[in-house]
C-alpha atoms as a PDB file:
ATOM      1  CA  MET A   1       0.000   0.000   0.000  1.00  0.00           C
ATOM      2  CA  ALA A   2       1.436   3.394  -0.984  1.00  0.00           C
ATOM      3  CA  PHE A   3       1.601   6.172   1.576  1.00  0.00           C
ATOM      4  CA  MET A   4       0.424   9.580   0.474  1.00  0.00           C
ATOM      5  CA  ALA A   5       1.458  12.615   2.483  1.00  0.00           C
ATOM      6  CA  LEU A   6      -0.967  15.407   3.258  1.00  0.00           C
ATOM      7  CA  GLN A   7       1.227  17.677   1.154  1.00  0.00           C
ATOM      8  CA  ASP A   8       0.758  15.393  -1.858  1.00  0.00           C
ATOM      9  CA  ALA A   9      -3.017  15.400  -1.423  1.00  0.00           C
ATOM     10  CA  LEU A  10      -3.080  19.205  -1.250  1.00  0.00           C
ATOM     11  CA  LEU A  11      -0.819  19.553  -4.286  1.00  0.00           C
ATOM     12  CA  ALA A  12      -3.096  17.205  -6.222  1.00  0.00           C
ATOM     13  CA  ALA A  13      -6.181  19.184  -5.209  1.00  0.00           C
ATOM     14  CA  LEU A  14      -4.547  22.470  -6.213  1.00  0.00           C
ATOM     15  CA  SER A  15      -3.595  21.042  -9.604  1.00  0.00           C
ATOM     16  CA  TYR A  16      -7.251  21.584 -10.531  1.00  0.00           C
ATOM     17  CA  GLY A  17      -7.025  25.318  -9.838  1.00  0.00           C
ATOM     18  CA  GLU A  18      -7.045  28.011  -7.199  1.00  0.00           C
ATOM     19  CA  SER A  19      -8.803  27.187  -3.938  1.00  0.00           C
ATOM     20  CA  SER A  20      -9.257  28.646  -0.498  1.00  0.00           C
ATOM     21  CA  GLY A  21      -8.296  26.674   2.580  1.00  0.00           C
ATOM     22  CA  TYR A  22     -11.993  26.252   3.343  1.00  0.00           C
ATOM     23  CA  GLU A  23     -12.658  24.830  -0.131  1.00  0.00           C
ATOM     24  CA  LEU A  24      -9.701  22.468   0.214  1.00  0.00           C
ATOM     25  CA  ALA A  25     -10.946  21.275   3.616  1.00  0.00           C
ATOM     26  CA  LYS A  26     -14.432  20.625   2.205  1.00  0.00           C
ATOM     27  CA  ALA A  27     -13.028  18.762  -0.800  1.00  0.00           C
ATOM     28  CA  PHE A  28     -10.805  16.728   1.529  1.00  0.00           C
ATOM     29  CA  ASP A  29     -13.851  15.741   3.591  1.00  0.00           C
ATOM     30  CA  VAL A  30     -15.680  14.547   0.481  1.00  0.00           C
ATOM     31  CA  THR A  31     -12.822  12.689  -1.195  1.00  0.00           C
ATOM     32  CA  VAL A  32     -10.539  11.065   1.361  1.00  0.00           C
ATOM     33  CA  ALA A  33     -11.992  11.593   4.840  1.00  0.00           C
ATOM     34  CA  ASN A  34     -13.453   8.070   4.880  1.00  0.00           C
ATOM     35  CA  TYR A  35      -9.984   6.551   5.108  1.00  0.00           C
ATOM     36  CA  TRP A  36      -7.716   9.443   6.069  1.00  0.00           C
ATOM     37  CA  ALA A  37      -8.506  11.941   8.817  1.00  0.00           C
ATOM     38  CA  ALA A  38      -7.044  15.438   8.906  1.00  0.00           C
ATOM     39  CA  THR A  39      -8.403  18.382  10.807  1.00  0.00           C
ATOM     40  CA  PRO A  40      -8.777  21.811   9.194  1.00  0.00           C
ATOM     41  CA  GLN A  41      -5.988  22.994  11.508  1.00  0.00           C
ATOM     42  CA  GLN A  42      -3.675  20.322  10.085  1.00  0.00           C
ATOM     43  CA  LEU A  43      -4.564  21.391   6.549  1.00  0.00           C
ATOM     44  CA  TYR A  44      -3.846  25.055   7.298  1.00  0.00           C
ATOM     45  CA  ARG A  45      -0.523  24.216   8.982  1.00  0.00           C
ATOM     46  CA  GLU A  46       0.484  22.173   5.953  1.00  0.00           C
ATOM     47  CA  LEU A  47      -0.564  24.971   3.580  1.00  0.00           C
ATOM     48  CA  ASP A  48       1.611  27.412   5.555  1.00  0.00           C
ATOM     49  CA  LYS A  49       4.587  25.021   5.317  1.00  0.00           C
ATOM     50  CA  MET A  50       4.021  24.538   1.599  1.00  0.00           C
ATOM     51  CA  GLU A  51       3.868  28.296   1.048  1.00  0.00           C
ATOM     52  CA  SER A  52       7.133  28.770   2.994  1.00  0.00           C
ATOM     53  CA  ALA A  53       8.734  26.045   0.854  1.00  0.00           C
ATOM     54  CA  GLY A  54       7.655  27.810  -2.351  1.00  0.00           C
ATOM     55  CA  LEU A  55       5.353  25.014  -3.516  1.00  0.00           C
ATOM     56  CA  ILE A  56       2.234  27.191  -3.429  1.00  0.00           C
ATOM     57  CA  GLN A  57       1.443  30.866  -3.277  1.00  0.00           C
ATOM     58  CA  ALA A  58      -1.433  32.631  -1.611  1.00  0.00           C
ATOM     59  CA  ARG A  59      -3.264  35.828  -2.378  1.00  0.00           C
ATOM     60  CA  VAL A  60      -5.480  37.548   0.154  1.00  0.00           C
ATOM     61  CA  VAL A  61      -9.068  38.296  -0.768  1.00  0.00           C
ATOM     62  CA  GLU A  62     -10.490  41.027   1.425  1.00  0.00           C
ATOM     63  CA  GLN A  63     -14.075  40.475   2.507  1.00  0.00           C
ATOM     64  CA  THR A  64     -16.499  42.715   4.323  1.00  0.00           C
ATOM     65  CA  LYS A  65     -18.235  41.313   7.391  1.00  0.00           C
ATOM     66  CA  ARG A  66     -16.082  38.186   7.154  1.00  0.00           C
ATOM     67  CA  PRO A  67     -12.437  37.426   7.795  1.00  0.00           C
ATOM     68  CA  ASN A  68     -10.162  37.844   4.786  1.00  0.00           C
ATOM     69  CA  LYS A  69      -9.433  34.602   2.991  1.00  0.00           C
ATOM     70  CA  ARG A  70      -6.362  33.280   1.257  1.00  0.00           C
ATOM     71  CA  MET A  71      -6.638  31.720  -2.172  1.00  0.00           C
ATOM     72  CA  PHE A  72      -3.903  29.167  -2.925  1.00  0.00           C
ATOM     73  CA  THR A  73      -2.352  28.216  -6.262  1.00  0.00           C
ATOM     74  CA  LEU A  74       0.559  26.030  -7.279  1.00  0.00           C
ATOM     75  CA  THR A  75       3.889  27.579  -8.149  1.00  0.00           C
ATOM     76  CA  ASP A  76       6.139  26.198 -10.889  1.00  0.00           C
ATOM     77  CA  GLN A  77       8.049  24.374  -8.143  1.00  0.00           C
ATOM     78  CA  GLY A  78       4.809  22.865  -6.790  1.00  0.00           C
END
């Protein structure tokens, strides 16, 4: 059985296009949560690590009456 890291799952999800952390968490729940558990906090920590490593980049979308959100995309390195 092959082991897939959380980073690999996030990179695969982002290969389909830009997503917010919330959208990634929801997609994770639908696709792999039945056999692989990760909390939203774990996803956000991994996204921060991936951004620091240059695998993804984030842009901030300012929202009124809601917290700002970050939209993530792959970099050439990712």
